[in-house]
C-alpha atoms as a PDB file:
ATOM      1  CA  UNK A   1     -73.729  -1.707 112.452  1.00  0.00           C
ATOM      2  CA  UNK A   2     -72.066  -0.438 109.256  1.00  0.00           C
ATOM      3  CA  UNK A   3     -72.076  -2.490 106.102  1.00  0.00           C
ATOM      4  CA  UNK A   4     -68.687  -3.310 104.630  1.00  0.00           C
ATOM      5  CA  UNK A   5     -67.428  -1.079 101.808  1.00  0.00           C
ATOM      6  CA  UNK A   6     -65.480  -4.003 100.337  1.00  0.00           C
ATOM      7  CA  UNK A   7     -66.665  -5.066  96.872  1.00  0.00           C
ATOM      8  CA  UNK A   8     -65.244  -7.725  94.574  1.00  0.00           C
ATOM      9  CA  UNK A   9     -64.778  -7.116  90.834  1.00  0.00           C
ATOM     10  CA  UNK A  10     -64.831 -10.425  88.980  1.00  0.00           C
ATOM     11  CA  UNK A  11     -64.215  -9.250  85.419  1.00  0.00           C
ATOM     12  CA  UNK A  12     -63.670  -6.129  83.375  1.00  0.00           C
ATOM     13  CA  UNK A  13     -64.132  -6.686  79.655  1.00  0.00           C
ATOM     14  CA  UNK A  14     -63.391  -3.920  77.166  1.00  0.00           C
ATOM     15  CA  UNK A  15     -65.088  -4.324  73.796  1.00  0.00           C
ATOM     16  CA  UNK A  16     -64.831  -2.249  70.632  1.00  0.00           C
ATOM     17  CA  UNK A  17     -68.118  -1.999  68.694  1.00  0.00           C
ATOM     18  CA  UNK A  18     -67.550   0.318  65.726  1.00  0.00           C
ATOM     19  CA  UNK A  19     -66.970   3.809  67.144  1.00  0.00           C
ATOM     20  CA  UNK A  20     -68.156   2.675  70.567  1.00  0.00           C
ATOM     21  CA  UNK A  21     -66.012   1.281  73.368  1.00  0.00           C
ATOM     22  CA  UNK A  22     -67.872  -0.815  75.946  1.00  0.00           C
ATOM     23  CA  UNK A  23     -66.622  -1.481  79.442  1.00  0.00           C
ATOM     24  CA  UNK A  24     -68.429  -4.484  80.917  1.00  0.00           C
ATOM     25  CA  UNK A  25     -67.790  -4.700  84.661  1.00  0.00           C
ATOM     26  CA  UNK A  26     -69.017  -7.671  86.700  1.00  0.00           C
ATOM     27  CA  UNK A  27     -68.821  -7.986  90.453  1.00  0.00           C
ATOM     28  CA  UNK A  28     -70.657  -8.705  93.672  1.00  0.00           C
ATOM     29  CA  UNK A  29     -71.803  -5.094  94.080  1.00  0.00           C
ATOM     30  CA  UNK A  30     -70.697  -1.548  93.381  1.00  0.00           C
ATOM     31  CA  UNK A  31     -70.151   1.539  95.475  1.00  0.00           C
ATOM     32  CA  UNK A  32     -71.266   5.031  94.456  1.00  0.00           C
ATOM     33  CA  UNK A  33     -69.378   6.082  91.273  1.00  0.00           C
ATOM     34  CA  UNK A  34     -67.185   2.968  91.484  1.00  0.00           C
ATOM     35  CA  UNK A  35     -67.628   1.902  87.858  1.00  0.00           C
ATOM     36  CA  UNK A  36     -67.254   5.485  86.626  1.00  0.00           C
ATOM     37  CA  UNK A  37     -63.945   5.775  88.508  1.00  0.00           C
ATOM     38  CA  UNK A  38     -62.735   2.455  87.086  1.00  0.00           C
ATOM     39  CA  UNK A  39     -63.629   3.536  83.549  1.00  0.00           C
ATOM     40  CA  UNK A  40     -62.080   6.983  84.019  1.00  0.00           C
ATOM     41  CA  UNK A  41     -58.871   5.388  85.235  1.00  0.00           C
ATOM     42  CA  UNK A  42     -58.749   2.915  82.340  1.00  0.00           C
ATOM     43  CA  UNK A  43     -59.351   5.749  79.865  1.00  0.00           C
ATOM     44  CA  UNK A  44     -56.346   7.557  81.359  1.00  0.00           C
ATOM     45  CA  UNK A  45     -54.234   4.435  80.792  1.00  0.00           C
ATOM     46  CA  UNK A  46     -55.495   4.200  77.203  1.00  0.00           C
ATOM     47  CA  UNK A  47     -54.551   7.859  76.637  1.00  0.00           C
ATOM     48  CA  UNK A  48     -51.071   7.177  78.119  1.00  0.00           C
ATOM     49  CA  UNK A  49     -51.637   9.646  80.964  1.00  0.00           C
ATOM     50  CA  UNK A  50     -51.405   6.820  83.515  1.00  0.00           C
ATOM     51  CA  UNK A  51     -49.445   3.569  83.449  1.00  0.00           C
ATOM     52  CA  UNK A  52     -50.393   0.104  84.652  1.00  0.00           C
ATOM     53  CA  UNK A  53     -48.044   0.748  87.588  1.00  0.00           C
ATOM     54  CA  UNK A  54     -50.013   3.904  88.433  1.00  0.00           C
ATOM     55  CA  UNK A  55     -53.204   1.824  88.565  1.00  0.00           C
ATOM     56  CA  UNK A  56     -51.554  -0.744  90.833  1.00  0.00           C
ATOM     57  CA  UNK A  57     -50.323   2.064  93.091  1.00  0.00           C
ATOM     58  CA  UNK A  58     -53.824   3.585  93.236  1.00  0.00           C
ATOM     59  CA  UNK A  59     -55.331   0.222  94.210  1.00  0.00           C
ATOM     60  CA  UNK A  60     -52.669  -0.570  96.784  1.00  0.00           C
ATOM     61  CA  UNK A  61     -52.751   2.906  98.332  1.00  0.00           C
ATOM     62  CA  UNK A  62     -56.565   2.867  98.708  1.00  0.00           C
ATOM     63  CA  UNK A  63     -56.482   6.646  98.168  1.00  0.00           C
ATOM     64  CA  UNK A  64     -59.134   7.889  95.733  1.00  0.00           C
ATOM     65  CA  UNK A  65     -57.001  10.821  94.555  1.00  0.00           C
ATOM     66  CA  UNK A  66     -54.440   8.376  93.138  1.00  0.00           C
ATOM     67  CA  UNK A  67     -56.952   6.979  90.630  1.00  0.00           C
ATOM     68  CA  UNK A  68     -58.104   8.611  87.415  1.00  0.00           C
ATOM     69  CA  UNK A  69     -61.025  11.004  87.049  1.00  0.00           C
ATOM     70  CA  UNK A  70     -64.648   9.956  87.371  1.00  0.00           C
ATOM     71  CA  UNK A  71     -65.980   9.268  83.867  1.00  0.00           C
ATOM     72  CA  UNK A  72     -69.135  11.184  82.926  1.00  0.00           C
ATOM     73  CA  UNK A  73     -72.430   9.375  83.421  1.00  0.00           C
ATOM     74  CA  UNK A  74     -73.525   9.803  79.778  1.00  0.00           C
ATOM     75  CA  UNK A  75     -73.689   6.400  78.146  1.00  0.00           C
ATOM     76  CA  UNK A  76     -73.523   4.505  81.442  1.00  0.00           C
ATOM     77  CA  UNK A  77     -76.243   1.917  81.905  1.00  0.00           C
ATOM     78  CA  UNK A  78     -77.004  -0.966  84.232  1.00  0.00           C
ATOM     79  CA  UNK A  79     -77.257  -3.926  81.899  1.00  0.00           C
ATOM     80  CA  UNK A  80     -78.249  -6.836  84.116  1.00  0.00           C
ATOM     81  CA  UNK A  81     -78.574  -7.811  87.777  1.00  0.00           C
ATOM     82  CA  UNK A  82     -78.205 -11.353  89.114  1.00  0.00           C
ATOM     83  CA  UNK A  83     -79.313 -12.491  92.563  1.00  0.00           C
END
């Protein structure tokens, strides 16, 4: 039996810390590259290469190619896990 690929994102918090921008993503679990895709998409919105409507369309369409690029793994870290 296959496990469900459905995951729930509870919060996405974007924080500016000096020259650093932190994306804090909380949810019930993450799929492979999920957070990197979310961050890449939000960076595209911040650079005005995508609009909020483009993000909504990507989510509604459920087609990966409609989202932004996968952000590089450099700087990505797993901060905390709750059970």
